[in-house]
């Protein structure tokens, strides 16, 4: 492999210049392409691999940033609701929320949008729930004995 020094250099039929690293390398180091005249991509495989790795890191950082922003908005909305209802404020930091998986319901296991569940009396964060499970707890008044009675009721009529 040699660096392309100028336009006057003549390439052999078995070599091509990478448009990214500007090295003259064998044709087997280029991926095929239907849109290029010579049937090969303009960037060599090693440069494309490096670009992909860089893009993956950037996408991962963007996803973390998006998750943080989404949780920040959820937390702010929930804290406003607590103030309006004169409830005990939610006692959790954004970093604690970030550590918990926020796309899986802790009760039913459904993957998708979730809500922050917390105790209205103590303000303690309990986890993330889907809307249906969060309403289930709300309609049961967060009362364990009501939920146990409901389970016994379902078991009795399951037979």
C-alpha atoms as a PDB file:
ATOM      1  CA  UNK A   1       0.000   0.000   0.000  1.00  0.00           C
ATOM      2  CA  UNK A   2       1.299   3.404  -0.845  1.00  0.00           C
ATOM      3  CA  UNK A   3      -0.016   6.920  -0.473  1.00  0.00           C
ATOM      4  CA  UNK A   4      -1.302   8.406  -3.712  1.00  0.00           C
ATOM      5  CA  UNK A   5       1.087  11.235  -4.503  1.00  0.00           C
ATOM      6  CA  UNK A   6      -0.667  12.871  -7.407  1.00  0.00           C
ATOM      7  CA  UNK A   7      -2.902  12.610 -10.415  1.00  0.00           C
ATOM      8  CA  UNK A   8      -0.070  11.418 -12.652  1.00  0.00           C
ATOM      9  CA  UNK A   9       0.277   8.092 -10.796  1.00  0.00           C
ATOM     10  CA  UNK A  10      -1.133   5.215 -12.779  1.00  0.00           C
ATOM     11  CA  UNK A  11      -3.246   2.649 -10.959  1.00  0.00           C
ATOM     12  CA  UNK A  12      -3.197  -0.974 -11.996  1.00  0.00           C
ATOM     13  CA  UNK A  13      -6.461  -2.799 -12.713  1.00  0.00           C
ATOM     14  CA  UNK A  14      -6.192  -4.626  -9.379  1.00  0.00           C
ATOM     15  CA  UNK A  15      -5.909  -1.491  -7.218  1.00  0.00           C
ATOM     16  CA  UNK A  16      -8.019   1.507  -6.281  1.00  0.00           C
ATOM     17  CA  UNK A  17      -7.584   4.682  -4.230  1.00  0.00           C
ATOM     18  CA  UNK A  18      -9.733   5.029  -1.096  1.00  0.00           C
ATOM     19  CA  UNK A  19     -11.502   8.394  -1.049  1.00  0.00           C
ATOM     20  CA  UNK A  20     -11.180   8.610   2.751  1.00  0.00           C
ATOM     21  CA  UNK A  21      -7.636   7.501   3.654  1.00  0.00           C
ATOM     22  CA  UNK A  22      -6.233   8.223   0.164  1.00  0.00           C
ATOM     23  CA  UNK A  23      -4.292   4.926   0.096  1.00  0.00           C
ATOM     24  CA  UNK A  24      -3.962   2.834  -3.056  1.00  0.00           C
ATOM     25  CA  UNK A  25      -5.065  -0.652  -2.029  1.00  0.00           C
ATOM     26  CA  UNK A  26      -6.206  -3.928  -3.660  1.00  0.00           C
ATOM     27  CA  UNK A  27      -9.767  -4.133  -4.988  1.00  0.00           C
ATOM     28  CA  UNK A  28     -10.727  -6.882  -2.548  1.00  0.00           C
ATOM     29  CA  UNK A  29     -10.470  -4.267   0.246  1.00  0.00           C
ATOM     30  CA  UNK A  30     -13.544  -2.455  -1.174  1.00  0.00           C
ATOM     31  CA  UNK A  31     -17.186  -3.527  -0.771  1.00  0.00           C
ATOM     32  CA  UNK A  32     -19.358  -3.918  -3.832  1.00  0.00           C
ATOM     33  CA  UNK A  33     -21.764  -1.187  -4.891  1.00  0.00           C
ATOM     34  CA  UNK A  34     -24.447  -1.097  -7.559  1.00  0.00           C
ATOM     35  CA  UNK A  35     -24.401   2.686  -7.942  1.00  0.00           C
ATOM     36  CA  UNK A  36     -20.696   3.194  -8.636  1.00  0.00           C
ATOM     37  CA  UNK A  37     -19.432   2.727 -12.214  1.00  0.00           C
ATOM     38  CA  UNK A  38     -16.662   0.335 -11.260  1.00  0.00           C
ATOM     39  CA  UNK A  39     -19.021  -1.714  -9.025  1.00  0.00           C
ATOM     40  CA  UNK A  40     -17.081  -0.878  -5.843  1.00  0.00           C
ATOM     41  CA  UNK A  41     -17.594   1.620  -3.051  1.00  0.00           C
ATOM     42  CA  UNK A  42     -15.285   4.633  -2.961  1.00  0.00           C
ATOM     43  CA  UNK A  43     -14.260   4.047   0.680  1.00  0.00           C
ATOM     44  CA  UNK A  44     -12.237   0.968   1.690  1.00  0.00           C
ATOM     45  CA  UNK A  45     -13.547  -1.620   4.175  1.00  0.00           C
ATOM     46  CA  UNK A  46     -11.253  -0.515   7.011  1.00  0.00           C
ATOM     47  CA  UNK A  47     -12.367   3.123   6.701  1.00  0.00           C
ATOM     48  CA  UNK A  48     -16.035   2.060   6.606  1.00  0.00           C
ATOM     49  CA  UNK A  49     -15.469  -0.095   9.701  1.00  0.00           C
ATOM     50  CA  UNK A  50     -13.960   2.876  11.499  1.00  0.00           C
ATOM     51  CA  UNK A  51     -16.884   5.128  10.418  1.00  0.00           C
ATOM     52  CA  UNK A  52     -19.386   2.534  11.672  1.00  0.00           C
ATOM     53  CA  UNK A  53     -17.684   2.300  15.072  1.00  0.00           C
ATOM     54  CA  UNK A  54     -17.680   6.089  15.406  1.00  0.00           C
ATOM     55  CA  UNK A  55     -21.362   6.242  14.409  1.00  0.00           C
ATOM     56  CA  UNK A  56     -22.296   3.519  16.946  1.00  0.00           C
ATOM     57  CA  UNK A  57     -20.611   5.434  19.760  1.00  0.00           C
ATOM     58  CA  UNK A  58     -22.354   8.642  18.713  1.00  0.00           C
ATOM     59  CA  UNK A  59     -25.744   6.861  18.468  1.00  0.00           C
ATOM     60  CA  UNK A  60     -25.266   5.295  21.915  1.00  0.00           C
ATOM     61  CA  UNK A  61     -24.413   8.679  23.428  1.00  0.00           C
ATOM     62  CA  UNK A  62     -27.417  10.238  21.689  1.00  0.00           C
ATOM     63  CA  UNK A  63     -29.708   7.486  23.005  1.00  0.00           C
ATOM     64  CA  UNK A  64     -28.423   8.046  26.563  1.00  0.00           C
ATOM     65  CA  UNK A  65     -28.930  11.786  26.143  1.00  0.00           C
ATOM     66  CA  UNK A  66     -32.472  11.246  24.789  1.00  0.00           C
ATOM     67  CA  UNK A  67     -33.306   8.901  27.691  1.00  0.00           C
ATOM     68  CA  UNK A  68     -32.002  11.456  30.192  1.00  0.00           C
ATOM     69  CA  UNK A  69     -34.074  14.241  28.606  1.00  0.00           C
ATOM     70  CA  UNK A  70     -37.202  12.064  28.469  1.00  0.00           C
ATOM     71  CA  UNK A  71     -36.839  11.117  32.161  1.00  0.00           C
ATOM     72  CA  UNK A  72     -36.123  14.737  33.087  1.00  0.00           C
ATOM     73  CA  UNK A  73     -39.424  15.773  31.484  1.00  0.00           C
ATOM     74  CA  UNK A  74     -41.341  12.898  33.167  1.00  0.00           C
ATOM     75  CA  UNK A  75     -39.869  13.782  36.553  1.00  0.00           C
ATOM     76  CA  UNK A  76     -40.701  17.481  36.181  1.00  0.00           C
ATOM     77  CA  UNK A  77     -44.278  16.722  35.158  1.00  0.00           C
ATOM     78  CA  UNK A  78     -44.735  14.347  38.092  1.00  0.00           C
ATOM     79  CA  UNK A  79     -43.288  16.830  40.582  1.00  0.00           C
ATOM     80  CA  UNK A  80     -45.679  19.542  39.308  1.00  0.00           C
ATOM     81  CA  UNK A  81     -48.622  17.160  39.735  1.00  0.00           C
ATOM     82  CA  UNK A  82     -47.511  16.375  43.303  1.00  0.00           C
ATOM     83  CA  UNK A  83     -47.360  20.094  44.135  1.00  0.00           C
ATOM     84  CA  UNK A  84     -50.788  20.740  42.595  1.00  0.00           C
ATOM     85  CA  UNK A  85     -52.341  17.846  44.557  1.00  0.00           C
ATOM     86  CA  UNK A  86     -50.460  18.833  47.728  1.00  0.00           C
ATOM     87  CA  UNK A  87     -48.812  15.406  47.909  1.00  0.00           C
ATOM     88  CA  UNK A  88     -45.418  14.552  49.308  1.00  0.00           C
ATOM     89  CA  UNK A  89     -42.869  15.368  46.572  1.00  0.00           C
ATOM     90  CA  UNK A  90     -41.141  12.545  44.748  1.00  0.00           C
ATOM     91  CA  UNK A  91     -37.827  11.658  46.422  1.00  0.00           C
ATOM     92  CA  UNK A  92     -35.525  10.568  43.607  1.00  0.00           C
ATOM     93  CA  UNK A  93     -32.753  12.058  41.527  1.00  0.00           C
ATOM     94  CA  UNK A  94     -32.430  11.945  37.781  1.00  0.00           C
ATOM     95  CA  UNK A  95     -29.312   9.754  38.133  1.00  0.00           C
ATOM     96  CA  UNK A  96     -31.305   7.155  40.117  1.00  0.00           C
ATOM     97  CA  UNK A  97     -33.959   7.131  37.405  1.00  0.00           C
ATOM     98  CA  UNK A  98     -31.297   6.730  34.711  1.00  0.00           C
ATOM     99  CA  UNK A  99     -29.961   3.605  36.483  1.00  0.00           C
ATOM    100  CA  UNK A 100     -33.347   1.867  36.301  1.00  0.00           C
ATOM    101  CA  UNK A 101     -34.665   0.378  33.023  1.00  0.00           C
ATOM    102  CA  UNK A 102     -37.480   2.717  31.987  1.00  0.00           C
ATOM    103  CA  UNK A 103     -39.022   0.837  29.073  1.00  0.00           C
ATOM    104  CA  UNK A 104     -40.255  -2.320  30.856  1.00  0.00           C
ATOM    105  CA  UNK A 105     -43.216  -2.474  33.250  1.00  0.00           C
ATOM    106  CA  UNK A 106     -42.140  -3.866  36.644  1.00  0.00           C
ATOM    107  CA  UNK A 107     -45.490  -5.680  37.079  1.00  0.00           C
ATOM    108  CA  UNK A 108     -46.538  -7.177  33.743  1.00  0.00           C
ATOM    109  CA  UNK A 109     -43.192  -6.970  31.907  1.00  0.00           C
ATOM    110  CA  UNK A 110     -44.662  -5.172  28.891  1.00  0.00           C
ATOM    111  CA  UNK A 111     -42.059  -3.308  26.856  1.00  0.00           C
ATOM    112  CA  UNK A 112     -43.045   0.196  25.823  1.00  0.00           C
ATOM    113  CA  UNK A 113     -43.888   3.585  27.264  1.00  0.00           C
ATOM    114  CA  UNK A 114     -43.876   3.639  31.058  1.00  0.00           C
ATOM    115  CA  UNK A 115     -44.846   5.941  33.903  1.00  0.00           C
ATOM    116  CA  UNK A 116     -42.971   6.704  37.098  1.00  0.00           C
ATOM    117  CA  UNK A 117     -44.647   4.918  40.023  1.00  0.00           C
ATOM    118  CA  UNK A 118     -44.214   6.323  43.509  1.00  0.00           C
ATOM    119  CA  UNK A 119     -45.847   6.208  46.935  1.00  0.00           C
ATOM    120  CA  UNK A 120     -48.127   9.231  47.377  1.00  0.00           C
ATOM    121  CA  UNK A 121     -47.651   9.220  51.157  1.00  0.00           C
ATOM    122  CA  UNK A 122     -43.853   8.978  51.372  1.00  0.00           C
ATOM    123  CA  UNK A 123     -42.857  10.190  47.908  1.00  0.00           C
ATOM    124  CA  UNK A 124     -40.638   7.110  47.496  1.00  0.00           C
ATOM    125  CA  UNK A 125     -39.953   5.953  43.922  1.00  0.00           C
ATOM    126  CA  UNK A 126     -41.110   2.353  43.368  1.00  0.00           C
ATOM    127  CA  UNK A 127     -40.345   1.743  39.712  1.00  0.00           C
ATOM    128  CA  UNK A 128     -41.657   2.120  36.171  1.00  0.00           C
ATOM    129  CA  UNK A 129     -45.106   0.806  35.260  1.00  0.00           C
ATOM    130  CA  UNK A 130     -47.144   0.747  32.080  1.00  0.00           C
ATOM    131  CA  UNK A 131     -50.260   2.916  32.189  1.00  0.00           C
ATOM    132  CA  UNK A 132     -52.563  -0.055  32.775  1.00  0.00           C
ATOM    133  CA  UNK A 133     -50.639  -1.399  35.797  1.00  0.00           C
ATOM    134  CA  UNK A 134     -50.222   2.100  37.228  1.00  0.00           C
ATOM    135  CA  UNK A 135     -54.011   2.624  37.038  1.00  0.00           C
ATOM    136  CA  UNK A 136     -54.536  -0.837  38.573  1.00  0.00           C
ATOM    137  CA  UNK A 137     -52.653   0.259  41.678  1.00  0.00           C
ATOM    138  CA  UNK A 138     -54.448   3.609  41.721  1.00  0.00           C
ATOM    139  CA  UNK A 139     -57.920   2.068  41.453  1.00  0.00           C
ATOM    140  CA  UNK A 140     -56.986  -0.338  44.261  1.00  0.00           C
ATOM    141  CA  UNK A 141     -55.973   2.724  46.312  1.00  0.00           C
ATOM    142  CA  UNK A 142     -52.451   1.247  46.635  1.00  0.00           C
ATOM    143  CA  UNK A 143     -54.000  -1.093  49.209  1.00  0.00           C
ATOM    144  CA  UNK A 144     -52.453  -4.571  49.379  1.00  0.00           C
ATOM    145  CA  UNK A 145     -55.533  -6.157  50.994  1.00  0.00           C
ATOM    146  CA  UNK A 146     -57.744  -4.955  48.120  1.00  0.00           C
ATOM    147  CA  UNK A 147     -55.287  -6.407  45.605  1.00  0.00           C
ATOM    148  CA  UNK A 148     -55.162  -9.734  47.513  1.00  0.00           C
ATOM    149  CA  UNK A 149     -58.980  -9.897  47.518  1.00  0.00           C
ATOM    150  CA  UNK A 150     -58.961  -9.231  43.786  1.00  0.00           C
ATOM    151  CA  UNK A 151     -56.471 -12.077  43.241  1.00  0.00           C
ATOM    152  CA  UNK A 152     -58.578 -14.458  45.370  1.00  0.00           C
ATOM    153  CA  UNK A 153     -61.634 -13.411  43.374  1.00  0.00           C
ATOM    154  CA  UNK A 154     -59.910 -14.162  40.065  1.00  0.00           C
ATOM    155  CA  UNK A 155     -58.619 -17.516  41.351  1.00  0.00           C
ATOM    156  CA  UNK A 156     -62.093 -18.523  42.578  1.00  0.00           C
ATOM    157  CA  UNK A 157     -63.642 -17.952  39.145  1.00  0.00           C
ATOM    158  CA  UNK A 158     -60.687 -19.307  37.163  1.00  0.00           C
ATOM    159  CA  UNK A 159     -61.741 -22.941  37.715  1.00  0.00           C
END
